[in-house]
């Protein structure tokens, strides 16, 4: 049985966030294929980086973007310590929207009880 690390104090276990970096490489095309309600993967960046970030992927592996730095700051260490989170797209806008507002997701951190 996997034991989850303690969840960061004073942080929300469930929250909504925009996804940043959706215009680099082929990410804009990936966002165009997303649908509201679609399940997404939340993964920490490599632990060898100074600021590993938290990356958002489609279930097939396509990179969508990353969470804002103020969330990455506390969520990445928790995920790298064994924490888990799941997400779903709750608002997907077209290319007429600013890149940082094209995708809003809801994230649920799978916290230990108690």
PDB file of N, CA and C in Angstrom:
ATOM      1  N   UNK A   1       0.830  -1.172   0.000  1.00  0.00           N
ATOM      2  CA  UNK A   1       0.000   0.000   0.000  1.00  0.00           C
ATOM      3  C   UNK A   1       0.878   1.240   0.000  1.00  0.00           C
ATOM      4  N   UNK A   2       0.555   2.201  -0.864  1.00  0.00           N
ATOM      5  CA  UNK A   2       1.323   3.433  -0.991  1.00  0.00           C
ATOM      6  C   UNK A   2       0.864   4.437   0.060  1.00  0.00           C
ATOM      7  N   UNK A   3       1.803   4.948   0.850  1.00  0.00           N
ATOM      8  CA  UNK A   3       1.482   5.953   1.857  1.00  0.00           C
ATOM      9  C   UNK A   3       1.772   7.326   1.276  1.00  0.00           C
ATOM     10  N   UNK A   4       0.763   8.187   1.266  1.00  0.00           N
ATOM     11  CA  UNK A   4       0.932   9.528   0.733  1.00  0.00           C
ATOM     12  C   UNK A   4       1.650  10.411   1.741  1.00  0.00           C
ATOM     13  N   UNK A   5       2.471  11.348   1.247  1.00  0.00           N
ATOM     14  CA  UNK A   5       3.138  12.266   2.170  1.00  0.00           C
ATOM     15  C   UNK A   5       2.124  13.236   2.771  1.00  0.00           C
ATOM     16  N   UNK A   6       2.470  13.871   3.890  1.00  0.00           N
ATOM     17  CA  UNK A   6       1.566  14.873   4.469  1.00  0.00           C
ATOM     18  C   UNK A   6       1.299  15.979   3.453  1.00  0.00           C
ATOM     19  N   UNK A   7       0.066  16.411   3.398  1.00  0.00           N
ATOM     20  CA  UNK A   7      -0.302  17.463   2.448  1.00  0.00           C
ATOM     21  C   UNK A   7       0.179  18.815   2.980  1.00  0.00           C
ATOM     22  N   UNK A   8       0.640  19.703   2.090  1.00  0.00           N
ATOM     23  CA  UNK A   8       1.135  21.020   2.535  1.00  0.00           C
ATOM     24  C   UNK A   8       0.070  21.797   3.326  1.00  0.00           C
ATOM     25  N   UNK A   9       0.480  22.316   4.472  1.00  0.00           N
ATOM     26  CA  UNK A   9      -0.435  23.073   5.330  1.00  0.00           C
ATOM     27  C   UNK A   9      -0.912  24.334   4.623  1.00  0.00           C
ATOM     28  N   UNK A  10      -2.157  24.696   4.887  1.00  0.00           N
ATOM     29  CA  UNK A  10      -2.766  25.929   4.383  1.00  0.00           C
ATOM     30  C   UNK A  10      -2.880  25.993   2.859  1.00  0.00           C
ATOM     31  N   UNK A  11      -2.903  24.839   2.214  1.00  0.00           N
ATOM     32  CA  UNK A  11      -3.097  24.794   0.761  1.00  0.00           C
ATOM     33  C   UNK A  11      -4.386  24.035   0.461  1.00  0.00           C
ATOM     34  N   UNK A  12      -5.067  24.390  -0.632  1.00  0.00           N
ATOM     35  CA  UNK A  12      -6.337  23.720  -0.946  1.00  0.00           C
ATOM     36  C   UNK A  12      -6.109  22.343  -1.565  1.00  0.00           C
ATOM     37  N   UNK A  13      -6.852  21.362  -1.104  1.00  0.00           N
ATOM     38  CA  UNK A  13      -6.754  20.015  -1.670  1.00  0.00           C
ATOM     39  C   UNK A  13      -7.459  19.925  -3.020  1.00  0.00           C
ATOM     40  N   UNK A  14      -8.400  20.825  -3.263  1.00  0.00           N
ATOM     41  CA  UNK A  14      -9.088  20.922  -4.550  1.00  0.00           C
ATOM     42  C   UNK A  14      -9.098  22.387  -4.959  1.00  0.00           C
ATOM     43  N   UNK A  15      -8.809  22.649  -6.220  1.00  0.00           N
ATOM     44  CA  UNK A  15      -8.762  24.026  -6.687  1.00  0.00           C
ATOM     45  C   UNK A  15      -8.918  24.076  -8.203  1.00  0.00           C
ATOM     46  N   UNK A  16      -9.226  25.257  -8.693  1.00  0.00           N
ATOM     47  CA  UNK A  16      -9.278  25.516 -10.130  1.00  0.00           C
ATOM     48  C   UNK A  16      -8.100  26.390 -10.502  1.00  0.00           C
ATOM     49  N   UNK A  17      -7.573  26.164 -11.707  1.00  0.00           N
ATOM     50  CA  UNK A  17      -6.409  26.916 -12.153  1.00  0.00           C
ATOM     51  C   UNK A  17      -6.401  27.051 -13.662  1.00  0.00           C
ATOM     52  N   UNK A  18      -5.814  28.136 -14.123  1.00  0.00           N
ATOM     53  CA  UNK A  18      -5.509  28.238 -15.546  1.00  0.00           C
ATOM     54  C   UNK A  18      -4.284  27.371 -15.820  1.00  0.00           C
ATOM     55  N   UNK A  19      -4.076  27.053 -17.086  1.00  0.00           N
ATOM     56  CA  UNK A  19      -2.891  26.301 -17.500  1.00  0.00           C
ATOM     57  C   UNK A  19      -2.055  27.234 -18.361  1.00  0.00           C
ATOM     58  N   UNK A  20      -0.791  27.375 -18.013  1.00  0.00           N
ATOM     59  CA  UNK A  20       0.110  28.276 -18.714  1.00  0.00           C
ATOM     60  C   UNK A  20       0.975  27.515 -19.721  1.00  0.00           C
ATOM     61  N   UNK A  21       1.552  28.247 -20.658  1.00  0.00           N
ATOM     62  CA  UNK A  21       2.475  27.645 -21.622  1.00  0.00           C
ATOM     63  C   UNK A  21       1.797  26.833 -22.710  1.00  0.00           C
ATOM     64  N   UNK A  22       0.532  27.135 -22.998  1.00  0.00           N
ATOM     65  CA  UNK A  22      -0.220  26.329 -23.968  1.00  0.00           C
ATOM     66  C   UNK A  22       0.084  26.671 -25.423  1.00  0.00           C
ATOM     67  N   UNK A  23       0.961  27.642 -25.685  1.00  0.00           N
ATOM     68  CA  UNK A  23       1.222  28.057 -27.070  1.00  0.00           C
ATOM     69  C   UNK A  23       2.563  27.573 -27.601  1.00  0.00           C
ATOM     70  N   UNK A  24       3.347  26.897 -26.804  1.00  0.00           N
ATOM     71  CA  UNK A  24       4.671  26.460 -27.241  1.00  0.00           C
ATOM     72  C   UNK A  24       4.599  25.121 -27.976  1.00  0.00           C
ATOM     73  N   UNK A  25       5.445  24.973 -28.978  1.00  0.00           N
ATOM     74  CA  UNK A  25       5.487  23.730 -29.748  1.00  0.00           C
ATOM     75  C   UNK A  25       4.131  23.399 -30.340  1.00  0.00           C
ATOM     76  N   UNK A  26       3.692  22.188 -30.128  1.00  0.00           N
ATOM     77  CA  UNK A  26       2.397  21.738 -30.667  1.00  0.00           C
ATOM     78  C   UNK A  26       1.285  21.813 -29.628  1.00  0.00           C
ATOM     79  N   UNK A  27       1.534  22.472 -28.504  1.00  0.00           N
ATOM     80  CA  UNK A  27       0.548  22.499 -27.417  1.00  0.00           C
ATOM     81  C   UNK A  27      -0.765  23.169 -27.819  1.00  0.00           C
ATOM     82  N   UNK A  28      -0.722  24.208 -28.648  1.00  0.00           N
ATOM     83  CA  UNK A  28      -1.966  24.883 -29.053  1.00  0.00           C
ATOM     84  C   UNK A  28      -2.886  23.902 -29.768  1.00  0.00           C
ATOM     85  N   UNK A  29      -2.319  23.042 -30.609  1.00  0.00           N
ATOM     86  CA  UNK A  29      -3.123  22.036 -31.309  1.00  0.00           C
ATOM     87  C   UNK A  29      -3.687  21.015 -30.324  1.00  0.00           C
ATOM     88  N   UNK A  30      -2.927  20.695 -29.304  1.00  0.00           N
ATOM     89  CA  UNK A  30      -3.402  19.762 -28.273  1.00  0.00           C
ATOM     90  C   UNK A  30      -4.585  20.383 -27.533  1.00  0.00           C
ATOM     91  N   UNK A  31      -4.481  21.661 -27.174  1.00  0.00           N
ATOM     92  CA  UNK A  31      -5.574  22.341 -26.481  1.00  0.00           C
ATOM     93  C   UNK A  31      -6.813  22.383 -27.373  1.00  0.00           C
ATOM     94  N   UNK A  32      -6.625  22.600 -28.677  1.00  0.00           N
ATOM     95  CA  UNK A  32      -7.761  22.626 -29.608  1.00  0.00           C
ATOM     96  C   UNK A  32      -8.543  21.315 -29.610  1.00  0.00           C
ATOM     97  N   UNK A  33      -7.866  20.207 -29.300  1.00  0.00           N
ATOM     98  CA  UNK A  33      -8.528  18.891 -29.289  1.00  0.00           C
ATOM     99  C   UNK A  33      -9.167  18.553 -27.942  1.00  0.00           C
ATOM    100  N   UNK A  34      -8.864  19.328 -26.913  1.00  0.00           N
ATOM    101  CA  UNK A  34      -9.425  19.060 -25.583  1.00  0.00           C
ATOM    102  C   UNK A  34     -10.912  19.353 -25.542  1.00  0.00           C
ATOM    103  N   UNK A  35     -11.612  18.650 -24.695  1.00  0.00           N
ATOM    104  CA  UNK A  35     -13.041  18.865 -24.475  1.00  0.00           C
ATOM    105  C   UNK A  35     -13.286  19.074 -22.992  1.00  0.00           C
ATOM    106  N   UNK A  36     -14.256  19.928 -22.675  1.00  0.00           N
ATOM    107  CA  UNK A  36     -14.614  20.131 -21.278  1.00  0.00           C
ATOM    108  C   UNK A  36     -15.033  18.798 -20.665  1.00  0.00           C
ATOM    109  N   UNK A  37     -14.581  18.548 -19.458  1.00  0.00           N
ATOM    110  CA  UNK A  37     -14.851  17.291 -18.771  1.00  0.00           C
ATOM    111  C   UNK A  37     -13.764  16.241 -18.981  1.00  0.00           C
ATOM    112  N   UNK A  38     -12.862  16.470 -19.909  1.00  0.00           N
ATOM    113  CA  UNK A  38     -11.806  15.495 -20.192  1.00  0.00           C
ATOM    114  C   UNK A  38     -10.855  15.380 -19.000  1.00  0.00           C
ATOM    115  N   UNK A  39     -10.529  14.133 -18.643  1.00  0.00           N
ATOM    116  CA  UNK A  39      -9.579  13.868 -17.558  1.00  0.00           C
ATOM    117  C   UNK A  39      -8.163  14.179 -18.038  1.00  0.00           C
ATOM    118  N   UNK A  40      -7.359  14.746 -17.155  1.00  0.00           N
ATOM    119  CA  UNK A  40      -5.991  15.129 -17.478  1.00  0.00           C
ATOM    120  C   UNK A  40      -5.036  14.584 -16.422  1.00  0.00           C
ATOM    121  N   UNK A  41      -3.781  14.453 -16.807  1.00  0.00           N
ATOM    122  CA  UNK A  41      -2.742  13.987 -15.894  1.00  0.00           C
ATOM    123  C   UNK A  41      -2.001  15.181 -15.303  1.00  0.00           C
ATOM    124  N   UNK A  42      -1.680  15.127 -14.035  1.00  0.00           N
ATOM    125  CA  UNK A  42      -0.902  16.145 -13.333  1.00  0.00           C
ATOM    126  C   UNK A  42       0.392  15.472 -12.884  1.00  0.00           C
ATOM    127  N   UNK A  43       1.527  15.939 -13.428  1.00  0.00           N
ATOM    128  CA  UNK A  43       2.813  15.298 -13.151  1.00  0.00           C
ATOM    129  C   UNK A  43       3.861  16.326 -12.766  1.00  0.00           C
ATOM    130  N   UNK A  44       4.705  15.997 -11.790  1.00  0.00           N
ATOM    131  CA  UNK A  44       5.787  16.916 -11.447  1.00  0.00           C
ATOM    132  C   UNK A  44       6.887  16.839 -12.498  1.00  0.00           C
ATOM    133  N   UNK A  45       7.647  17.937 -12.617  1.00  0.00           N
ATOM    134  CA  UNK A  45       8.805  17.929 -13.497  1.00  0.00           C
ATOM    135  C   UNK A  45       9.928  17.111 -12.880  1.00  0.00           C
ATOM    136  N   UNK A  46      11.013  16.930 -13.624  1.00  0.00           N
ATOM    137  CA  UNK A  46      12.136  16.136 -13.100  1.00  0.00           C
ATOM    138  C   UNK A  46      12.693  16.741 -11.811  1.00  0.00           C
ATOM    139  N   UNK A  47      12.970  15.904 -10.819  1.00  0.00           N
ATOM    140  CA  UNK A  47      13.452  16.408  -9.533  1.00  0.00           C
ATOM    141  C   UNK A  47      14.847  17.020  -9.612  1.00  0.00           C
ATOM    142  N   UNK A  48      15.574  16.839 -10.696  1.00  0.00           N
ATOM    143  CA  UNK A  48      16.916  17.413 -10.820  1.00  0.00           C
ATOM    144  C   UNK A  48      16.870  18.904 -11.165  1.00  0.00           C
ATOM    145  N   UNK A  49      15.697  19.411 -11.556  1.00  0.00           N
ATOM    146  CA  UNK A  49      15.568  20.827 -11.866  1.00  0.00           C
ATOM    147  C   UNK A  49      15.411  21.631 -10.581  1.00  0.00           C
ATOM    148  N   UNK A  50      15.920  22.872 -10.588  1.00  0.00           N
ATOM    149  CA  UNK A  50      15.776  23.738  -9.418  1.00  0.00           C
ATOM    150  C   UNK A  50      14.306  24.003  -9.109  1.00  0.00           C
ATOM    151  N   UNK A  51      13.514  24.280 -10.135  1.00  0.00           N
ATOM    152  CA  UNK A  51      12.072  24.490 -10.010  1.00  0.00           C
ATOM    153  C   UNK A  51      11.381  23.505 -10.946  1.00  0.00           C
ATOM    154  N   UNK A  52      11.076  22.286 -10.454  1.00  0.00           N
ATOM    155  CA  UNK A  52      10.592  21.235 -11.351  1.00  0.00           C
ATOM    156  C   UNK A  52       9.242  21.498 -12.007  1.00  0.00           C
ATOM    157  N   UNK A  53       8.415  22.354 -11.457  1.00  0.00           N
ATOM    158  CA  UNK A  53       7.125  22.654 -12.073  1.00  0.00           C
ATOM    159  C   UNK A  53       6.131  21.509 -11.930  1.00  0.00           C
ATOM    160  N   UNK A  54       4.923  21.783 -12.396  1.00  0.00           N
ATOM    161  CA  UNK A  54       3.856  20.783 -12.424  1.00  0.00           C
ATOM    162  C   UNK A  54       3.241  20.852 -13.806  1.00  0.00           C
ATOM    163  N   UNK A  55       3.302  19.745 -14.519  1.00  0.00           N
ATOM    164  CA  UNK A  55       2.916  19.684 -15.926  1.00  0.00           C
ATOM    165  C   UNK A  55       1.559  19.015 -16.104  1.00  0.00           C
ATOM    166  N   UNK A  56       0.823  19.515 -17.072  1.00  0.00           N
ATOM    167  CA  UNK A  56      -0.507  18.998 -17.388  1.00  0.00           C
ATOM    168  C   UNK A  56      -0.403  18.279 -18.732  1.00  0.00           C
ATOM    169  N   UNK A  57      -0.856  17.014 -18.761  1.00  0.00           N
ATOM    170  CA  UNK A  57      -0.814  16.187 -19.967  1.00  0.00           C
ATOM    171  C   UNK A  57      -2.197  15.608 -20.248  1.00  0.00           C
ATOM    172  N   UNK A  58      -2.460  15.322 -21.522  1.00  0.00           N
ATOM    173  CA  UNK A  58      -3.638  14.517 -21.854  1.00  0.00           C
ATOM    174  C   UNK A  58      -3.331  13.079 -21.452  1.00  0.00           C
ATOM    175  N   UNK A  59      -4.362  12.270 -21.317  1.00  0.00           N
ATOM    176  CA  UNK A  59      -4.151  10.873 -20.914  1.00  0.00           C
ATOM    177  C   UNK A  59      -3.262  10.102 -21.876  1.00  0.00           C
ATOM    178  N   UNK A  60      -3.231  10.485 -23.136  1.00  0.00           N
ATOM    179  CA  UNK A  60      -2.354   9.823 -24.105  1.00  0.00           C
ATOM    180  C   UNK A  60      -0.913  10.271 -24.011  1.00  0.00           C
ATOM    181  N   UNK A  61      -0.633  11.274 -23.179  1.00  0.00           N
ATOM    182  CA  UNK A  61       0.732  11.728 -22.968  1.00  0.00           C
ATOM    183  C   UNK A  61       1.044  13.097 -23.548  1.00  0.00           C
ATOM    184  N   UNK A  62       0.192  13.632 -24.451  1.00  0.00           N
ATOM    185  CA  UNK A  62       0.478  14.933 -25.052  1.00  0.00           C
ATOM    186  C   UNK A  62       0.579  16.010 -23.984  1.00  0.00           C
ATOM    187  N   UNK A  63       1.638  16.811 -24.063  1.00  0.00           N
ATOM    188  CA  UNK A  63       1.843  17.907 -23.129  1.00  0.00           C
ATOM    189  C   UNK A  63       0.909  19.059 -23.460  1.00  0.00           C
ATOM    190  N   UNK A  64       0.207  19.555 -22.456  1.00  0.00           N
ATOM    191  CA  UNK A  64      -0.726  20.662 -22.619  1.00  0.00           C
ATOM    192  C   UNK A  64      -0.101  21.968 -22.132  1.00  0.00           C
ATOM    193  N   UNK A  65       0.547  21.958 -20.979  1.00  0.00           N
ATOM    194  CA  UNK A  65       1.144  23.147 -20.388  1.00  0.00           C
ATOM    195  C   UNK A  65       1.496  22.882 -18.934  1.00  0.00           C
ATOM    196  N   UNK A  66       1.594  23.951 -18.159  1.00  0.00           N
ATOM    197  CA  UNK A  66       1.963  23.806 -16.754  1.00  0.00           C
ATOM    198  C   UNK A  66       1.103  24.699 -15.877  1.00  0.00           C
ATOM    199  N   UNK A  67       1.097  24.398 -14.588  1.00  0.00           N
ATOM    200  CA  UNK A  67       0.352  25.200 -13.629  1.00  0.00           C
ATOM    201  C   UNK A  67       1.116  26.487 -13.321  1.00  0.00           C
ATOM    202  N   UNK A  68       0.433  27.512 -12.832  1.00  0.00           N
ATOM    203  CA  UNK A  68       1.108  28.762 -12.482  1.00  0.00           C
ATOM    204  C   UNK A  68       2.177  28.537 -11.407  1.00  0.00           C
ATOM    205  N   UNK A  69       3.242  29.346 -11.437  1.00  0.00           N
ATOM    206  CA  UNK A  69       4.351  29.173 -10.480  1.00  0.00           C
ATOM    207  C   UNK A  69       3.934  29.191  -9.015  1.00  0.00           C
ATOM    208  N   UNK A  70       2.933  30.010  -8.661  1.00  0.00           N
ATOM    209  CA  UNK A  70       2.537  30.072  -7.247  1.00  0.00           C
ATOM    210  C   UNK A  70       1.917  28.760  -6.767  1.00  0.00           C
ATOM    211  N   UNK A  71       1.388  27.967  -7.672  1.00  0.00           N
ATOM    212  CA  UNK A  71       0.879  26.631  -7.320  1.00  0.00           C
ATOM    213  C   UNK A  71       2.008  25.618  -7.403  1.00  0.00           C
ATOM    214  N   UNK A  72       2.809  25.699  -8.458  1.00  0.00           N
ATOM    215  CA  UNK A  72       3.932  24.766  -8.621  1.00  0.00           C
ATOM    216  C   UNK A  72       4.855  24.780  -7.403  1.00  0.00           C
ATOM    217  N   UNK A  73       5.019  25.943  -6.805  1.00  0.00           N
ATOM    218  CA  UNK A  73       5.933  26.121  -5.675  1.00  0.00           C
ATOM    219  C   UNK A  73       5.629  25.147  -4.533  1.00  0.00           C
ATOM    220  N   UNK A  74       4.349  24.922  -4.234  1.00  0.00           N
ATOM    221  CA  UNK A  74       4.013  24.005  -3.137  1.00  0.00           C
ATOM    222  C   UNK A  74       3.571  22.631  -3.617  1.00  0.00           C
ATOM    223  N   UNK A  75       3.016  22.552  -4.831  1.00  0.00           N
ATOM    224  CA  UNK A  75       2.492  21.269  -5.299  1.00  0.00           C
ATOM    225  C   UNK A  75       3.593  20.340  -5.824  1.00  0.00           C
ATOM    226  N   UNK A  76       4.580  20.882  -6.512  1.00  0.00           N
ATOM    227  CA  UNK A  76       5.644  20.038  -7.072  1.00  0.00           C
ATOM    228  C   UNK A  76       6.374  19.234  -5.996  1.00  0.00           C
ATOM    229  N   UNK A  77       6.824  19.840  -4.892  1.00  0.00           N
ATOM    230  CA  UNK A  77       7.508  19.029  -3.870  1.00  0.00           C
ATOM    231  C   UNK A  77       6.618  17.922  -3.299  1.00  0.00           C
ATOM    232  N   UNK A  78       5.331  18.213  -3.140  1.00  0.00           N
ATOM    233  CA  UNK A  78       4.416  17.195  -2.617  1.00  0.00           C
ATOM    234  C   UNK A  78       4.281  16.040  -3.606  1.00  0.00           C
ATOM    235  N   UNK A  79       4.122  16.369  -4.882  1.00  0.00           N
ATOM    236  CA  UNK A  79       4.017  15.319  -5.897  1.00  0.00           C
ATOM    237  C   UNK A  79       5.316  14.512  -5.988  1.00  0.00           C
ATOM    238  N   UNK A  80       6.452  15.192  -5.941  1.00  0.00           N
ATOM    239  CA  UNK A  80       7.741  14.492  -6.006  1.00  0.00           C
ATOM    240  C   UNK A  80       7.956  13.597  -4.789  1.00  0.00           C
ATOM    241  N   UNK A  81       7.303  13.931  -3.669  1.00  0.00           N
ATOM    242  CA  UNK A  81       7.394  13.112  -2.462  1.00  0.00           C
ATOM    243  C   UNK A  81       6.437  11.930  -2.469  1.00  0.00           C
ATOM    244  N   UNK A  82       5.681  11.782  -3.553  1.00  0.00           N
ATOM    245  CA  UNK A  82       4.771  10.641  -3.650  1.00  0.00           C
ATOM    246  C   UNK A  82       3.300  11.012  -3.669  1.00  0.00           C
ATOM    247  N   UNK A  83       2.988  12.318  -3.555  1.00  0.00           N
ATOM    248  CA  UNK A  83       1.596  12.753  -3.625  1.00  0.00           C
ATOM    249  C   UNK A  83       1.019  12.515  -5.007  1.00  0.00           C
ATOM    250  N   UNK A  84      -0.288  12.449  -5.081  1.00  0.00           N
ATOM    251  CA  UNK A  84      -0.958  12.222  -6.368  1.00  0.00           C
ATOM    252  C   UNK A  84      -2.101  13.204  -6.523  1.00  0.00           C
ATOM    253  N   UNK A  85      -2.337  13.595  -7.767  1.00  0.00           N
ATOM    254  CA  UNK A  85      -3.439  14.503  -8.070  1.00  0.00           C
ATOM    255  C   UNK A  85      -4.055  14.093  -9.396  1.00  0.00           C
ATOM    256  N   UNK A  86      -5.314  14.443  -9.553  1.00  0.00           N
ATOM    257  CA  UNK A  86      -6.010  14.209 -10.817  1.00  0.00           C
ATOM    258  C   UNK A  86      -6.674  15.510 -11.215  1.00  0.00           C
ATOM    259  N   UNK A  87      -6.989  15.645 -12.499  1.00  0.00           N
ATOM    260  CA  UNK A  87      -7.584  16.899 -12.973  1.00  0.00           C
ATOM    261  C   UNK A  87      -8.533  16.619 -14.124  1.00  0.00           C
ATOM    262  N   UNK A  88      -9.354  17.631 -14.403  1.00  0.00           N
ATOM    263  CA  UNK A  88     -10.226  17.577 -15.579  1.00  0.00           C
ATOM    264  C   UNK A  88     -10.374  18.982 -16.110  1.00  0.00           C
ATOM    265  N   UNK A  89     -10.572  19.078 -17.407  1.00  0.00           N
ATOM    266  CA  UNK A  89     -10.783  20.368 -18.055  1.00  0.00           C
ATOM    267  C   UNK A  89     -12.190  20.849 -17.730  1.00  0.00           C
ATOM    268  N   UNK A  90     -12.308  22.086 -17.256  1.00  0.00           N
ATOM    269  CA  UNK A  90     -13.646  22.610 -16.975  1.00  0.00           C
ATOM    270  C   UNK A  90     -14.017  23.756 -17.907  1.00  0.00           C
ATOM    271  N   UNK A  91     -13.012  24.379 -18.549  1.00  0.00           N
ATOM    272  CA  UNK A  91     -13.313  25.400 -19.549  1.00  0.00           C
ATOM    273  C   UNK A  91     -12.207  25.377 -20.599  1.00  0.00           C
ATOM    274  N   UNK A  92     -12.620  25.215 -21.858  1.00  0.00           N
ATOM    275  CA  UNK A  92     -11.684  25.215 -22.971  1.00  0.00           C
ATOM    276  C   UNK A  92     -12.147  26.285 -23.950  1.00  0.00           C
ATOM    277  N   UNK A  93     -11.280  27.234 -24.212  1.00  0.00           N
ATOM    278  CA  UNK A  93     -11.600  28.315 -25.145  1.00  0.00           C
ATOM    279  C   UNK A  93     -10.724  28.190 -26.383  1.00  0.00           C
ATOM    280  N   UNK A  94     -11.163  28.844 -27.444  1.00  0.00           N
ATOM    281  CA  UNK A  94     -10.429  28.813 -28.704  1.00  0.00           C
ATOM    282  C   UNK A  94      -9.265  29.784 -28.729  1.00  0.00           C
ATOM    283  N   UNK A  95      -8.636  29.870 -29.878  1.00  0.00           N
ATOM    284  CA  UNK A  95      -7.445  30.695 -30.029  1.00  0.00           C
ATOM    285  C   UNK A  95      -7.728  32.187 -29.922  1.00  0.00           C
ATOM    286  N   UNK A  96      -9.006  32.578 -29.909  1.00  0.00           N
ATOM    287  CA  UNK A  96      -9.338  33.992 -29.719  1.00  0.00           C
ATOM    288  C   UNK A  96      -9.075  34.447 -28.281  1.00  0.00           C
ATOM    289  N   UNK A  97      -8.997  33.519 -27.343  1.00  0.00           N
ATOM    290  CA  UNK A  97      -8.730  33.839 -25.935  1.00  0.00           C
ATOM    291  C   UNK A  97      -7.218  33.949 -25.728  1.00  0.00           C
ATOM    292  N   UNK A  98      -6.793  34.802 -24.780  1.00  0.00           N
ATOM    293  CA  UNK A  98      -5.364  34.855 -24.453  1.00  0.00           C
ATOM    294  C   UNK A  98      -4.878  33.463 -24.045  1.00  0.00           C
ATOM    295  N   UNK A  99      -3.651  33.139 -24.386  1.00  0.00           N
ATOM    296  CA  UNK A  99      -3.136  31.783 -24.167  1.00  0.00           C
ATOM    297  C   UNK A  99      -3.270  31.329 -22.719  1.00  0.00           C
ATOM    298  N   UNK A 100      -3.037  32.218 -21.783  1.00  0.00           N
ATOM    299  CA  UNK A 100      -3.072  31.841 -20.371  1.00  0.00           C
ATOM    300  C   UNK A 100      -4.492  31.708 -19.834  1.00  0.00           C
ATOM    301  N   UNK A 101      -5.503  31.990 -20.687  1.00  0.00           N
ATOM    302  CA  UNK A 101      -6.907  31.833 -20.258  1.00  0.00           C
ATOM    303  C   UNK A 101      -7.647  30.804 -21.107  1.00  0.00           C
ATOM    304  N   UNK A 102      -6.938  30.118 -21.989  1.00  0.00           N
ATOM    305  CA  UNK A 102      -7.592  29.172 -22.889  1.00  0.00           C
ATOM    306  C   UNK A 102      -8.088  27.929 -22.171  1.00  0.00           C
ATOM    307  N   UNK A 103      -7.408  27.530 -21.125  1.00  0.00           N
ATOM    308  CA  UNK A 103      -7.755  26.280 -20.456  1.00  0.00           C
ATOM    309  C   UNK A 103      -7.805  26.492 -18.945  1.00  0.00           C
ATOM    310  N   UNK A 104      -8.938  26.128 -18.348  1.00  0.00           N
ATOM    311  CA  UNK A 104      -9.087  26.133 -16.889  1.00  0.00           C
ATOM    312  C   UNK A 104      -9.367  24.693 -16.483  1.00  0.00           C
ATOM    313  N   UNK A 105      -8.649  24.252 -15.469  1.00  0.00           N
ATOM    314  CA  UNK A 105      -8.815  22.878 -14.991  1.00  0.00           C
ATOM    315  C   UNK A 105      -9.196  22.879 -13.516  1.00  0.00           C
ATOM    316  N   UNK A 106      -9.765  21.764 -13.094  1.00  0.00           N
ATOM    317  CA  UNK A 106     -10.042  21.532 -11.680  1.00  0.00           C
ATOM    318  C   UNK A 106      -9.121  20.409 -11.233  1.00  0.00           C
ATOM    319  N   UNK A 107      -8.370  20.668 -10.186  1.00  0.00           N
ATOM    320  CA  UNK A 107      -7.390  19.707  -9.673  1.00  0.00           C
ATOM    321  C   UNK A 107      -7.863  19.189  -8.324  1.00  0.00           C
ATOM    322  N   UNK A 108      -7.796  17.889  -8.152  1.00  0.00           N
ATOM    323  CA  UNK A 108      -8.101  17.250  -6.873  1.00  0.00           C
ATOM    324  C   UNK A 108      -6.861  16.485  -6.411  1.00  0.00           C
ATOM    325  N   UNK A 109      -6.316  16.909  -5.284  1.00  0.00           N
ATOM    326  CA  UNK A 109      -5.167  16.228  -4.706  1.00  0.00           C
ATOM    327  C   UNK A 109      -5.688  15.066  -3.869  1.00  0.00           C
ATOM    328  N   UNK A 110      -5.096  13.935  -4.039  1.00  0.00           N
ATOM    329  CA  UNK A 110      -5.512  12.730  -3.309  1.00  0.00           C
ATOM    330  C   UNK A 110      -4.778  12.724  -1.981  1.00  0.00           C
ATOM    331  N   UNK A 111      -5.414  13.315  -0.987  1.00  0.00           N
ATOM    332  CA  UNK A 111      -4.786  13.533   0.322  1.00  0.00           C
ATOM    333  C   UNK A 111      -5.024  12.362   1.266  1.00  0.00           C
ATOM    334  N   UNK A 112      -4.050  12.147   2.157  1.00  0.00           N
ATOM    335  CA  UNK A 112      -4.275  11.138   3.193  1.00  0.00           C
ATOM    336  C   UNK A 112      -5.388  11.617   4.115  1.00  0.00           C
ATOM    337  N   UNK A 113      -6.147  10.701   4.605  1.00  0.00           N
ATOM    338  CA  UNK A 113      -7.234  11.054   5.520  1.00  0.00           C
ATOM    339  C   UNK A 113      -6.682  11.446   6.877  1.00  0.00           C
ATOM    340  N   UNK A 114      -7.458  12.328   7.534  1.00  0.00           N
ATOM    341  CA  UNK A 114      -7.052  12.702   8.885  1.00  0.00           C
ATOM    342  C   UNK A 114      -6.566  14.042   8.963  1.00  0.00           C
TER     343      UNK A 114
END
